[in-house]
């Protein structure tokens, strides 16, 4: 894929994330929770296939960061994308599980990657 196309998709992803972060609860998120009978703070089991869908705007940023992290790539690009996504999505705050500040998101995600 050409660099120009990659930049376009990243820009599109960040724009969508920004727009969604500035609503009380994104419509897509509400619909996803309803489809999967999910409730905040109540763990559910899913197959990976159920989680990969158009509603998951965060997957691209997380995949890029996780892949570069696992490869030990000497680049800040993945970290910058992940950081920008978390910033526009929730301004580095999540109530459950409690996360405040970008480092708590990195710590939690590193645990997920390692599991």
PDB file of N, CA and C in Angstrom:
ATOM      1  N   UNK A   1       0.858  -1.176   0.000  1.00  0.00           N
ATOM      2  CA  UNK A   1       0.000   0.000   0.000  1.00  0.00           C
ATOM      3  C   UNK A   1       0.904   1.239   0.000  1.00  0.00           C
ATOM      4  N   UNK A   2       0.580   2.207  -0.797  1.00  0.00           N
ATOM      5  CA  UNK A   2       1.385   3.414  -0.914  1.00  0.00           C
ATOM      6  C   UNK A   2       1.300   4.249   0.361  1.00  0.00           C
ATOM      7  N   UNK A   3       2.373   5.007   0.625  1.00  0.00           N
ATOM      8  CA  UNK A   3       2.410   5.848   1.828  1.00  0.00           C
ATOM      9  C   UNK A   3       1.235   6.819   1.863  1.00  0.00           C
ATOM     10  N   UNK A   4       0.867   7.335   0.697  1.00  0.00           N
ATOM     11  CA  UNK A   4      -0.237   8.289   0.624  1.00  0.00           C
ATOM     12  C   UNK A   4      -1.549   7.642   1.074  1.00  0.00           C
ATOM     13  N   UNK A   5      -1.785   6.396   0.666  1.00  0.00           N
ATOM     14  CA  UNK A   5      -2.997   5.688   1.071  1.00  0.00           C
ATOM     15  C   UNK A   5      -2.992   5.423   2.569  1.00  0.00           C
ATOM     16  N   UNK A   6      -1.851   5.031   3.108  1.00  0.00           N
ATOM     17  CA  UNK A   6      -1.750   4.777   4.547  1.00  0.00           C
ATOM     18  C   UNK A   6      -2.047   6.049   5.323  1.00  0.00           C
ATOM     19  N   UNK A   7      -1.465   7.158   4.894  1.00  0.00           N
ATOM     20  CA  UNK A   7      -1.714   8.437   5.572  1.00  0.00           C
ATOM     21  C   UNK A   7      -3.197   8.804   5.513  1.00  0.00           C
ATOM     22  N   UNK A   8      -3.836   8.556   4.366  1.00  0.00           N
ATOM     23  CA  UNK A   8      -5.261   8.852   4.232  1.00  0.00           C
ATOM     24  C   UNK A   8      -6.071   8.051   5.242  1.00  0.00           C
ATOM     25  N   UNK A   9      -5.794   6.733   5.346  1.00  0.00           N
ATOM     26  CA  UNK A   9      -6.552   5.888   6.265  1.00  0.00           C
ATOM     27  C   UNK A   9      -6.317   6.282   7.719  1.00  0.00           C
ATOM     28  N   UNK A  10      -5.099   6.663   8.047  1.00  0.00           N
ATOM     29  CA  UNK A  10      -4.812   7.103   9.415  1.00  0.00           C
ATOM     30  C   UNK A  10      -5.559   8.394   9.707  1.00  0.00           C
ATOM     31  N   UNK A  11      -5.530   9.332   8.776  1.00  0.00           N
ATOM     32  CA  UNK A  11      -6.251  10.590   8.965  1.00  0.00           C
ATOM     33  C   UNK A  11      -7.746  10.345   9.100  1.00  0.00           C
ATOM     34  N   UNK A  12      -8.291   9.487   8.255  1.00  0.00           N
ATOM     35  CA  UNK A  12      -9.706   9.147   8.334  1.00  0.00           C
ATOM     36  C   UNK A  12     -10.026   8.531   9.692  1.00  0.00           C
ATOM     37  N   UNK A  13      -9.194   7.595  10.125  1.00  0.00           N
ATOM     38  CA  UNK A  13      -9.382   6.939  11.416  1.00  0.00           C
ATOM     39  C   UNK A  13      -9.380   7.960  12.556  1.00  0.00           C
ATOM     40  N   UNK A  14      -8.409   8.873  12.553  1.00  0.00           N
ATOM     41  CA  UNK A  14      -8.325   9.863  13.625  1.00  0.00           C
ATOM     42  C   UNK A  14      -9.505  10.826  13.592  1.00  0.00           C
ATOM     43  N   UNK A  15      -9.964  11.198  12.404  1.00  0.00           N
ATOM     44  CA  UNK A  15     -11.134  12.079  12.298  1.00  0.00           C
ATOM     45  C   UNK A  15     -12.384  11.404  12.854  1.00  0.00           C
ATOM     46  N   UNK A  16     -12.583  10.156  12.495  1.00  0.00           N
ATOM     47  CA  UNK A  16     -13.747   9.418  13.002  1.00  0.00           C
ATOM     48  C   UNK A  16     -13.653   9.278  14.510  1.00  0.00           C
ATOM     49  N   UNK A  17     -12.463   8.936  15.016  1.00  0.00           N
ATOM     50  CA  UNK A  17     -12.270   8.799  16.459  1.00  0.00           C
ATOM     51  C   UNK A  17     -12.558  10.116  17.166  1.00  0.00           C
ATOM     52  N   UNK A  18     -12.072  11.228  16.604  1.00  0.00           N
ATOM     53  CA  UNK A  18     -12.289  12.535  17.208  1.00  0.00           C
ATOM     54  C   UNK A  18     -13.776  12.861  17.272  1.00  0.00           C
ATOM     55  N   UNK A  19     -14.481  12.642  16.184  1.00  0.00           N
ATOM     56  CA  UNK A  19     -15.919  12.930  16.152  1.00  0.00           C
ATOM     57  C   UNK A  19     -16.665  12.083  17.174  1.00  0.00           C
ATOM     58  N   UNK A  20     -16.309  10.830  17.262  1.00  0.00           N
ATOM     59  CA  UNK A  20     -17.003   9.937  18.188  1.00  0.00           C
ATOM     60  C   UNK A  20     -16.690  10.281  19.636  1.00  0.00           C
ATOM     61  N   UNK A  21     -15.494  10.775  19.903  1.00  0.00           N
ATOM     62  CA  UNK A  21     -15.101  11.068  21.278  1.00  0.00           C
ATOM     63  C   UNK A  21     -15.843  12.275  21.834  1.00  0.00           C
ATOM     64  N   UNK A  22     -16.431  13.074  20.976  1.00  0.00           N
ATOM     65  CA  UNK A  22     -17.079  14.287  21.434  1.00  0.00           C
ATOM     66  C   UNK A  22     -18.598  14.169  21.498  1.00  0.00           C
ATOM     67  N   UNK A  23     -19.085  12.971  21.581  1.00  0.00           N
ATOM     68  CA  UNK A  23     -20.496  12.717  21.844  1.00  0.00           C
ATOM     69  C   UNK A  23     -20.563  12.069  23.208  1.00  0.00           C
ATOM     70  N   UNK A  24     -21.731  12.124  23.854  1.00  0.00           N
ATOM     71  CA  UNK A  24     -21.844  11.483  25.162  1.00  0.00           C
ATOM     72  C   UNK A  24     -21.516  10.003  25.067  1.00  0.00           C
ATOM     73  N   UNK A  25     -22.215   9.291  24.219  1.00  0.00           N
ATOM     74  CA  UNK A  25     -21.890   7.893  23.947  1.00  0.00           C
ATOM     75  C   UNK A  25     -22.148   7.682  22.470  1.00  0.00           C
ATOM     76  N   UNK A  26     -21.127   7.305  21.737  1.00  0.00           N
ATOM     77  CA  UNK A  26     -21.318   7.129  20.296  1.00  0.00           C
ATOM     78  C   UNK A  26     -22.442   6.146  19.987  1.00  0.00           C
ATOM     79  N   UNK A  27     -23.230   6.488  18.986  1.00  0.00           N
ATOM     80  CA  UNK A  27     -24.351   5.632  18.583  1.00  0.00           C
ATOM     81  C   UNK A  27     -23.866   4.222  18.258  1.00  0.00           C
ATOM     82  N   UNK A  28     -22.732   4.133  17.579  1.00  0.00           N
ATOM     83  CA  UNK A  28     -22.193   2.828  17.209  1.00  0.00           C
ATOM     84  C   UNK A  28     -21.867   1.996  18.442  1.00  0.00           C
ATOM     85  N   UNK A  29     -21.341   2.665  19.487  1.00  0.00           N
ATOM     86  CA  UNK A  29     -21.002   1.960  20.725  1.00  0.00           C
ATOM     87  C   UNK A  29     -22.268   1.462  21.411  1.00  0.00           C
ATOM     88  N   UNK A  30     -23.291   2.300  21.455  1.00  0.00           N
ATOM     89  CA  UNK A  30     -24.570   1.889  22.050  1.00  0.00           C
ATOM     90  C   UNK A  30     -25.156   0.703  21.302  1.00  0.00           C
ATOM     91  N   UNK A  31     -25.107   0.766  19.972  1.00  0.00           N
ATOM     92  CA  UNK A  31     -25.632  -0.337  19.158  1.00  0.00           C
ATOM     93  C   UNK A  31     -24.824  -1.605  19.375  1.00  0.00           C
ATOM     94  N   UNK A  32     -23.503  -1.474  19.483  1.00  0.00           N
ATOM     95  CA  UNK A  32     -22.649  -2.633  19.711  1.00  0.00           C
ATOM     96  C   UNK A  32     -22.987  -3.276  21.056  1.00  0.00           C
ATOM     97  N   UNK A  33     -23.122  -2.442  22.098  1.00  0.00           N
ATOM     98  CA  UNK A  33     -23.461  -2.976  23.425  1.00  0.00           C
ATOM     99  C   UNK A  33     -24.799  -3.700  23.389  1.00  0.00           C
ATOM    100  N   UNK A  34     -25.762  -3.125  22.686  1.00  0.00           N
ATOM    101  CA  UNK A  34     -27.087  -3.744  22.600  1.00  0.00           C
ATOM    102  C   UNK A  34     -27.023  -5.080  21.861  1.00  0.00           C
ATOM    103  N   UNK A  35     -26.308  -5.115  20.735  1.00  0.00           N
ATOM    104  CA  UNK A  35     -26.182  -6.355  19.960  1.00  0.00           C
ATOM    105  C   UNK A  35     -25.539  -7.480  20.761  1.00  0.00           C
ATOM    106  N   UNK A  36     -24.587  -7.114  21.612  1.00  0.00           N
ATOM    107  CA  UNK A  36     -23.847  -8.130  22.362  1.00  0.00           C
ATOM    108  C   UNK A  36     -24.321  -8.254  23.813  1.00  0.00           C
ATOM    109  N   UNK A  37     -25.426  -7.590  24.129  1.00  0.00           N
ATOM    110  CA  UNK A  37     -25.979  -7.623  25.486  1.00  0.00           C
ATOM    111  C   UNK A  37     -24.901  -7.275  26.514  1.00  0.00           C
ATOM    112  N   UNK A  38     -24.112  -6.277  26.196  1.00  0.00           N
ATOM    113  CA  UNK A  38     -22.999  -5.879  27.061  1.00  0.00           C
ATOM    114  C   UNK A  38     -23.425  -4.744  27.984  1.00  0.00           C
ATOM    115  N   UNK A  39     -22.862  -4.748  29.169  1.00  0.00           N
ATOM    116  CA  UNK A  39     -23.092  -3.684  30.142  1.00  0.00           C
ATOM    117  C   UNK A  39     -21.746  -3.244  30.686  1.00  0.00           C
ATOM    118  N   UNK A  40     -21.625  -1.942  30.962  1.00  0.00           N
ATOM    119  CA  UNK A  40     -20.380  -1.416  31.518  1.00  0.00           C
ATOM    120  C   UNK A  40     -20.061  -2.132  32.820  1.00  0.00           C
ATOM    121  N   UNK A  41     -18.826  -2.548  32.965  1.00  0.00           N
ATOM    122  CA  UNK A  41     -18.374  -3.147  34.214  1.00  0.00           C
ATOM    123  C   UNK A  41     -18.723  -4.612  34.394  1.00  0.00           C
ATOM    124  N   UNK A  42     -19.408  -5.223  33.422  1.00  0.00           N
ATOM    125  CA  UNK A  42     -19.765  -6.637  33.526  1.00  0.00           C
ATOM    126  C   UNK A  42     -19.025  -7.403  32.439  1.00  0.00           C
ATOM    127  N   UNK A  43     -18.039  -8.220  32.843  1.00  0.00           N
ATOM    128  CA  UNK A  43     -17.255  -8.958  31.844  1.00  0.00           C
ATOM    129  C   UNK A  43     -18.111  -9.912  31.017  1.00  0.00           C
ATOM    130  N   UNK A  44     -17.755 -10.038  29.749  1.00  0.00           N
ATOM    131  CA  UNK A  44     -18.416 -10.981  28.831  1.00  0.00           C
ATOM    132  C   UNK A  44     -17.341 -11.705  28.053  1.00  0.00           C
ATOM    133  N   UNK A  45     -17.672 -12.882  27.590  1.00  0.00           N
ATOM    134  CA  UNK A  45     -16.737 -13.620  26.751  1.00  0.00           C
ATOM    135  C   UNK A  45     -17.150 -13.468  25.291  1.00  0.00           C
ATOM    136  N   UNK A  46     -16.159 -13.230  24.447  1.00  0.00           N
ATOM    137  CA  UNK A  46     -16.381 -13.083  23.018  1.00  0.00           C
ATOM    138  C   UNK A  46     -15.339 -13.897  22.276  1.00  0.00           C
ATOM    139  N   UNK A  47     -15.693 -14.321  21.095  1.00  0.00           N
ATOM    140  CA  UNK A  47     -14.687 -14.906  20.214  1.00  0.00           C
ATOM    141  C   UNK A  47     -14.003 -13.747  19.501  1.00  0.00           C
ATOM    142  N   UNK A  48     -12.769 -13.914  19.072  1.00  0.00           N
ATOM    143  CA  UNK A  48     -12.102 -12.823  18.352  1.00  0.00           C
ATOM    144  C   UNK A  48     -12.905 -12.349  17.144  1.00  0.00           C
ATOM    145  N   UNK A  49     -13.561 -13.268  16.460  1.00  0.00           N
ATOM    146  CA  UNK A  49     -14.343 -12.906  15.279  1.00  0.00           C
ATOM    147  C   UNK A  49     -15.479 -11.937  15.627  1.00  0.00           C
ATOM    148  N   UNK A  50     -16.070 -12.067  16.801  1.00  0.00           N
ATOM    149  CA  UNK A  50     -17.150 -11.168  17.209  1.00  0.00           C
ATOM    150  C   UNK A  50     -16.640  -9.753  17.447  1.00  0.00           C
ATOM    151  N   UNK A  51     -15.387  -9.625  17.815  1.00  0.00           N
ATOM    152  CA  UNK A  51     -14.841  -8.311  18.144  1.00  0.00           C
ATOM    153  C   UNK A  51     -14.322  -7.550  16.937  1.00  0.00           C
ATOM    154  N   UNK A  52     -14.019  -8.243  15.866  1.00  0.00           N
ATOM    155  CA  UNK A  52     -13.516  -7.573  14.670  1.00  0.00           C
ATOM    156  C   UNK A  52     -14.704  -7.213  13.791  1.00  0.00           C
ATOM    157  N   UNK A  53     -15.088  -5.957  13.869  1.00  0.00           N
ATOM    158  CA  UNK A  53     -16.234  -5.478  13.095  1.00  0.00           C
ATOM    159  C   UNK A  53     -16.056  -3.990  12.819  1.00  0.00           C
ATOM    160  N   UNK A  54     -16.903  -3.449  11.999  1.00  0.00           N
ATOM    161  CA  UNK A  54     -16.800  -2.042  11.613  1.00  0.00           C
ATOM    162  C   UNK A  54     -17.003  -1.098  12.791  1.00  0.00           C
ATOM    163  N   UNK A  55     -17.624  -1.575  13.865  1.00  0.00           N
ATOM    164  CA  UNK A  55     -17.855  -0.723  15.033  1.00  0.00           C
ATOM    165  C   UNK A  55     -16.574  -0.459  15.821  1.00  0.00           C
ATOM    166  N   UNK A  56     -15.545  -1.239  15.591  1.00  0.00           N
ATOM    167  CA  UNK A  56     -14.324  -1.142  16.391  1.00  0.00           C
ATOM    168  C   UNK A  56     -13.313  -0.211  15.718  1.00  0.00           C
ATOM    169  N   UNK A  57     -13.535   1.096  15.860  1.00  0.00           N
ATOM    170  CA  UNK A  57     -12.648   2.088  15.264  1.00  0.00           C
ATOM    171  C   UNK A  57     -11.250   2.040  15.869  1.00  0.00           C
ATOM    172  N   UNK A  58     -11.146   1.496  17.067  1.00  0.00           N
ATOM    173  CA  UNK A  58      -9.874   1.477  17.777  1.00  0.00           C
ATOM    174  C   UNK A  58      -8.918   0.382  17.316  1.00  0.00           C
ATOM    175  N   UNK A  59      -9.408  -0.603  16.586  1.00  0.00           N
ATOM    176  CA  UNK A  59      -8.571  -1.755  16.256  1.00  0.00           C
ATOM    177  C   UNK A  59      -7.343  -1.411  15.419  1.00  0.00           C
ATOM    178  N   UNK A  60      -7.472  -0.501  14.489  1.00  0.00           N
ATOM    179  CA  UNK A  60      -6.333  -0.159  13.642  1.00  0.00           C
ATOM    180  C   UNK A  60      -5.189   0.406  14.477  1.00  0.00           C
ATOM    181  N   UNK A  61      -5.481   1.354  15.337  1.00  0.00           N
ATOM    182  CA  UNK A  61      -4.435   1.951  16.174  1.00  0.00           C
ATOM    183  C   UNK A  61      -3.822   0.909  17.097  1.00  0.00           C
ATOM    184  N   UNK A  62      -4.662   0.068  17.688  1.00  0.00           N
ATOM    185  CA  UNK A  62      -4.159  -0.953  18.614  1.00  0.00           C
ATOM    186  C   UNK A  62      -3.337  -2.004  17.881  1.00  0.00           C
ATOM    187  N   UNK A  63      -3.780  -2.405  16.711  1.00  0.00           N
ATOM    188  CA  UNK A  63      -3.041  -3.408  15.945  1.00  0.00           C
ATOM    189  C   UNK A  63      -1.660  -2.883  15.552  1.00  0.00           C
ATOM    190  N   UNK A  64      -1.624  -1.671  15.026  1.00  0.00           N
ATOM    191  CA  UNK A  64      -0.343  -1.096  14.601  1.00  0.00           C
ATOM    192  C   UNK A  64       0.611  -1.012  15.784  1.00  0.00           C
ATOM    193  N   UNK A  65       0.130  -0.495  16.915  1.00  0.00           N
ATOM    194  CA  UNK A  65       0.994  -0.368  18.087  1.00  0.00           C
ATOM    195  C   UNK A  65       1.459  -1.741  18.576  1.00  0.00           C
ATOM    196  N   UNK A  66       0.531  -2.689  18.709  1.00  0.00           N
ATOM    197  CA  UNK A  66       0.875  -4.017  19.225  1.00  0.00           C
ATOM    198  C   UNK A  66       1.874  -4.722  18.310  1.00  0.00           C
ATOM    199  N   UNK A  67       1.664  -4.625  17.023  1.00  0.00           N
ATOM    200  CA  UNK A  67       2.557  -5.300  16.067  1.00  0.00           C
ATOM    201  C   UNK A  67       3.967  -4.729  16.148  1.00  0.00           C
ATOM    202  N   UNK A  68       4.086  -3.404  16.150  1.00  0.00           N
ATOM    203  CA  UNK A  68       5.409  -2.784  16.239  1.00  0.00           C
ATOM    204  C   UNK A  68       6.057  -3.077  17.590  1.00  0.00           C
ATOM    205  N   UNK A  69       5.252  -3.094  18.649  1.00  0.00           N
ATOM    206  CA  UNK A  69       5.756  -3.402  19.994  1.00  0.00           C
ATOM    207  C   UNK A  69       6.311  -4.825  20.036  1.00  0.00           C
ATOM    208  N   UNK A  70       5.572  -5.773  19.489  1.00  0.00           N
ATOM    209  CA  UNK A  70       6.021  -7.165  19.480  1.00  0.00           C
ATOM    210  C   UNK A  70       7.273  -7.364  18.624  1.00  0.00           C
ATOM    211  N   UNK A  71       7.383  -6.614  17.544  1.00  0.00           N
ATOM    212  CA  UNK A  71       8.557  -6.723  16.678  1.00  0.00           C
ATOM    213  C   UNK A  71       9.775  -6.014  17.260  1.00  0.00           C
ATOM    214  N   UNK A  72       9.545  -5.203  18.308  1.00  0.00           N
ATOM    215  CA  UNK A  72      10.642  -4.436  18.891  1.00  0.00           C
ATOM    216  C   UNK A  72      11.134  -3.356  17.950  1.00  0.00           C
ATOM    217  N   UNK A  73      10.249  -2.862  17.105  1.00  0.00           N
ATOM    218  CA  UNK A  73      10.614  -1.853  16.109  1.00  0.00           C
ATOM    219  C   UNK A  73      11.069  -0.568  16.790  1.00  0.00           C
ATOM    220  N   UNK A  74      12.161  -0.024  16.302  1.00  0.00           N
ATOM    221  CA  UNK A  74      12.717   1.202  16.857  1.00  0.00           C
ATOM    222  C   UNK A  74      12.057   2.401  16.178  1.00  0.00           C
ATOM    223  N   UNK A  75      10.792   2.627  16.525  1.00  0.00           N
ATOM    224  CA  UNK A  75      10.029   3.723  15.935  1.00  0.00           C
ATOM    225  C   UNK A  75       9.009   4.228  16.945  1.00  0.00           C
ATOM    226  N   UNK A  76       8.685   5.495  16.844  1.00  0.00           N
ATOM    227  CA  UNK A  76       7.663   6.058  17.730  1.00  0.00           C
ATOM    228  C   UNK A  76       6.310   6.124  17.030  1.00  0.00           C
ATOM    229  N   UNK A  77       6.262   5.745  15.762  1.00  0.00           N
ATOM    230  CA  UNK A  77       5.040   5.879  14.962  1.00  0.00           C
ATOM    231  C   UNK A  77       3.854   5.154  15.591  1.00  0.00           C
ATOM    232  N   UNK A  78       4.015   3.895  15.961  1.00  0.00           N
ATOM    233  CA  UNK A  78       2.915   3.135  16.566  1.00  0.00           C
ATOM    234  C   UNK A  78       2.460   3.748  17.872  1.00  0.00           C
ATOM    235  N   UNK A  79       3.424   4.199  18.666  1.00  0.00           N
ATOM    236  CA  UNK A  79       3.101   4.824  19.953  1.00  0.00           C
ATOM    237  C   UNK A  79       2.317   6.127  19.736  1.00  0.00           C
ATOM    238  N   UNK A  80       2.716   6.905  18.752  1.00  0.00           N
ATOM    239  CA  UNK A  80       2.024   8.167  18.455  1.00  0.00           C
ATOM    240  C   UNK A  80       0.585   7.915  18.003  1.00  0.00           C
ATOM    241  N   UNK A  81       0.382   6.887  17.187  1.00  0.00           N
ATOM    242  CA  UNK A  81      -0.970   6.564  16.719  1.00  0.00           C
ATOM    243  C   UNK A  81      -1.840   6.112  17.884  1.00  0.00           C
ATOM    244  N   UNK A  82      -1.298   5.219  18.715  1.00  0.00           N
ATOM    245  CA  UNK A  82      -2.055   4.722  19.872  1.00  0.00           C
ATOM    246  C   UNK A  82      -2.379   5.875  20.824  1.00  0.00           C
ATOM    247  N   UNK A  83      -1.393   6.716  21.095  1.00  0.00           N
ATOM    248  CA  UNK A  83      -1.576   7.863  21.984  1.00  0.00           C
ATOM    249  C   UNK A  83      -2.656   8.802  21.438  1.00  0.00           C
ATOM    250  N   UNK A  84      -2.589   9.122  20.135  1.00  0.00           N
ATOM    251  CA  UNK A  84      -3.575  10.028  19.529  1.00  0.00           C
ATOM    252  C   UNK A  84      -4.974   9.434  19.606  1.00  0.00           C
ATOM    253  N   UNK A  85      -5.079   8.144  19.374  1.00  0.00           N
ATOM    254  CA  UNK A  85      -6.380   7.482  19.445  1.00  0.00           C
ATOM    255  C   UNK A  85      -6.971   7.576  20.852  1.00  0.00           C
ATOM    256  N   UNK A  86      -6.184   7.239  21.868  1.00  0.00           N
ATOM    257  CA  UNK A  86      -6.675   7.290  23.249  1.00  0.00           C
ATOM    258  C   UNK A  86      -7.037   8.725  23.623  1.00  0.00           C
ATOM    259  N   UNK A  87      -6.223   9.671  23.183  1.00  0.00           N
ATOM    260  CA  UNK A  87      -6.499  11.080  23.499  1.00  0.00           C
ATOM    261  C   UNK A  87      -7.842  11.539  22.925  1.00  0.00           C
ATOM    262  N   UNK A  88      -8.096  11.271  21.655  1.00  0.00           N
ATOM    263  CA  UNK A  88      -9.356  11.734  21.068  1.00  0.00           C
ATOM    264  C   UNK A  88     -10.536  10.881  21.504  1.00  0.00           C
ATOM    265  N   UNK A  89     -10.298   9.629  21.824  1.00  0.00           N
ATOM    266  CA  UNK A  89     -11.398   8.741  22.195  1.00  0.00           C
ATOM    267  C   UNK A  89     -11.932   9.061  23.585  1.00  0.00           C
ATOM    268  N   UNK A  90     -11.019   9.213  24.572  1.00  0.00           N
ATOM    269  CA  UNK A  90     -11.511   9.410  25.939  1.00  0.00           C
ATOM    270  C   UNK A  90     -10.638  10.334  26.782  1.00  0.00           C
ATOM    271  N   UNK A  91      -9.748  11.066  26.151  1.00  0.00           N
ATOM    272  CA  UNK A  91      -8.871  12.014  26.833  1.00  0.00           C
ATOM    273  C   UNK A  91      -8.108  11.354  27.983  1.00  0.00           C
ATOM    274  N   UNK A  92      -7.644  10.140  27.756  1.00  0.00           N
ATOM    275  CA  UNK A  92      -6.822   9.381  28.709  1.00  0.00           C
ATOM    276  C   UNK A  92      -7.546   9.022  30.002  1.00  0.00           C
ATOM    277  N   UNK A  93      -8.847   8.845  29.935  1.00  0.00           N
ATOM    278  CA  UNK A  93      -9.592   8.446  31.137  1.00  0.00           C
ATOM    279  C   UNK A  93     -10.603   7.362  30.788  1.00  0.00           C
ATOM    280  N   UNK A  94     -10.631   6.333  31.616  1.00  0.00           N
ATOM    281  CA  UNK A  94     -11.622   5.268  31.486  1.00  0.00           C
ATOM    282  C   UNK A  94     -12.065   4.892  32.897  1.00  0.00           C
ATOM    283  N   UNK A  95     -13.376   4.827  33.099  1.00  0.00           N
ATOM    284  CA  UNK A  95     -13.905   4.551  34.435  1.00  0.00           C
ATOM    285  C   UNK A  95     -13.737   3.089  34.840  1.00  0.00           C
ATOM    286  N   UNK A  96     -13.984   2.160  33.905  1.00  0.00           N
ATOM    287  CA  UNK A  96     -13.883   0.746  34.254  1.00  0.00           C
ATOM    288  C   UNK A  96     -13.285  -0.037  33.104  1.00  0.00           C
ATOM    289  N   UNK A  97     -12.212  -0.708  33.312  1.00  0.00           N
ATOM    290  CA  UNK A  97     -11.380  -0.632  34.511  1.00  0.00           C
ATOM    291  C   UNK A  97     -10.710   0.731  34.578  1.00  0.00           C
ATOM    292  N   UNK A  98     -10.503   1.213  35.763  1.00  0.00           N
ATOM    293  CA  UNK A  98     -10.029   2.582  35.967  1.00  0.00           C
ATOM    294  C   UNK A  98      -8.655   2.786  35.335  1.00  0.00           C
ATOM    295  N   UNK A  99      -8.609   3.771  34.451  1.00  0.00           N
ATOM    296  CA  UNK A  99      -7.346   4.174  33.829  1.00  0.00           C
ATOM    297  C   UNK A  99      -7.354   5.690  33.760  1.00  0.00           C
ATOM    298  N   UNK A 100      -6.259   6.280  34.168  1.00  0.00           N
ATOM    299  CA  UNK A 100      -6.131   7.733  34.095  1.00  0.00           C
ATOM    300  C   UNK A 100      -4.705   8.056  33.680  1.00  0.00           C
ATOM    301  N   UNK A 101      -4.576   8.713  32.550  1.00  0.00           N
ATOM    302  CA  UNK A 101      -3.257   9.039  32.019  1.00  0.00           C
ATOM    303  C   UNK A 101      -2.816   7.992  31.006  1.00  0.00           C
ATOM    304  N   UNK A 102      -2.029   8.429  30.052  1.00  0.00           N
ATOM    305  CA  UNK A 102      -1.630   7.543  28.961  1.00  0.00           C
ATOM    306  C   UNK A 102      -0.831   6.352  29.463  1.00  0.00           C
ATOM    307  N   UNK A 103      -0.021   6.532  30.502  1.00  0.00           N
ATOM    308  CA  UNK A 103       0.799   5.412  30.974  1.00  0.00           C
ATOM    309  C   UNK A 103      -0.063   4.258  31.480  1.00  0.00           C
ATOM    310  N   UNK A 104      -1.187   4.558  32.123  1.00  0.00           N
ATOM    311  CA  UNK A 104      -2.056   3.471  32.598  1.00  0.00           C
ATOM    312  C   UNK A 104      -2.669   2.706  31.421  1.00  0.00           C
ATOM    313  N   UNK A 105      -2.914   3.385  30.307  1.00  0.00           N
ATOM    314  CA  UNK A 105      -3.409   2.702  29.107  1.00  0.00           C
ATOM    315  C   UNK A 105      -2.317   1.811  28.511  1.00  0.00           C
ATOM    316  N   UNK A 106      -1.078   2.318  28.471  1.00  0.00           N
ATOM    317  CA  UNK A 106       0.028   1.493  27.976  1.00  0.00           C
ATOM    318  C   UNK A 106       0.227   0.264  28.860  1.00  0.00           C
ATOM    319  N   UNK A 107       0.228   0.456  30.177  1.00  0.00           N
ATOM    320  CA  UNK A 107       0.425  -0.670  31.097  1.00  0.00           C
ATOM    321  C   UNK A 107      -0.640  -1.740  30.887  1.00  0.00           C
ATOM    322  N   UNK A 108      -1.890  -1.313  30.794  1.00  0.00           N
ATOM    323  CA  UNK A 108      -2.996  -2.248  30.600  1.00  0.00           C
ATOM    324  C   UNK A 108      -2.890  -2.961  29.249  1.00  0.00           C
ATOM    325  N   UNK A 109      -2.546  -2.211  28.212  1.00  0.00           N
ATOM    326  CA  UNK A 109      -2.453  -2.806  26.884  1.00  0.00           C
ATOM    327  C   UNK A 109      -1.276  -3.773  26.793  1.00  0.00           C
ATOM    328  N   UNK A 110      -0.172  -3.444  27.449  1.00  0.00           N
ATOM    329  CA  UNK A 110       0.972  -4.358  27.456  1.00  0.00           C
ATOM    330  C   UNK A 110       0.602  -5.670  28.144  1.00  0.00           C
ATOM    331  N   UNK A 111      -0.198  -5.603  29.200  1.00  0.00           N
ATOM    332  CA  UNK A 111      -0.680  -6.828  29.856  1.00  0.00           C
ATOM    333  C   UNK A 111      -1.532  -7.649  28.889  1.00  0.00           C
ATOM    334  N   UNK A 112      -2.390  -6.958  28.137  1.00  0.00           N
ATOM    335  CA  UNK A 112      -3.240  -7.644  27.157  1.00  0.00           C
ATOM    336  C   UNK A 112      -2.392  -8.300  26.069  1.00  0.00           C
ATOM    337  N   UNK A 113      -1.408  -7.581  25.562  1.00  0.00           N
ATOM    338  CA  UNK A 113      -0.540  -8.121  24.512  1.00  0.00           C
ATOM    339  C   UNK A 113       0.194  -9.359  25.024  1.00  0.00           C
ATOM    340  N   UNK A 114       0.651  -9.306  26.258  1.00  0.00           N
ATOM    341  CA  UNK A 114       1.423 -10.414  26.831  1.00  0.00           C
ATOM    342  C   UNK A 114       0.567 -11.633  27.160  1.00  0.00           C
ATOM    343  N   UNK A 115      -0.741 -11.433  27.296  1.00  0.00           N
ATOM    344  CA  UNK A 115      -1.598 -12.557  27.717  1.00  0.00           C
ATOM    345  C   UNK A 115      -1.903 -13.529  26.594  1.00  0.00           C
TER     346      UNK A 115
END
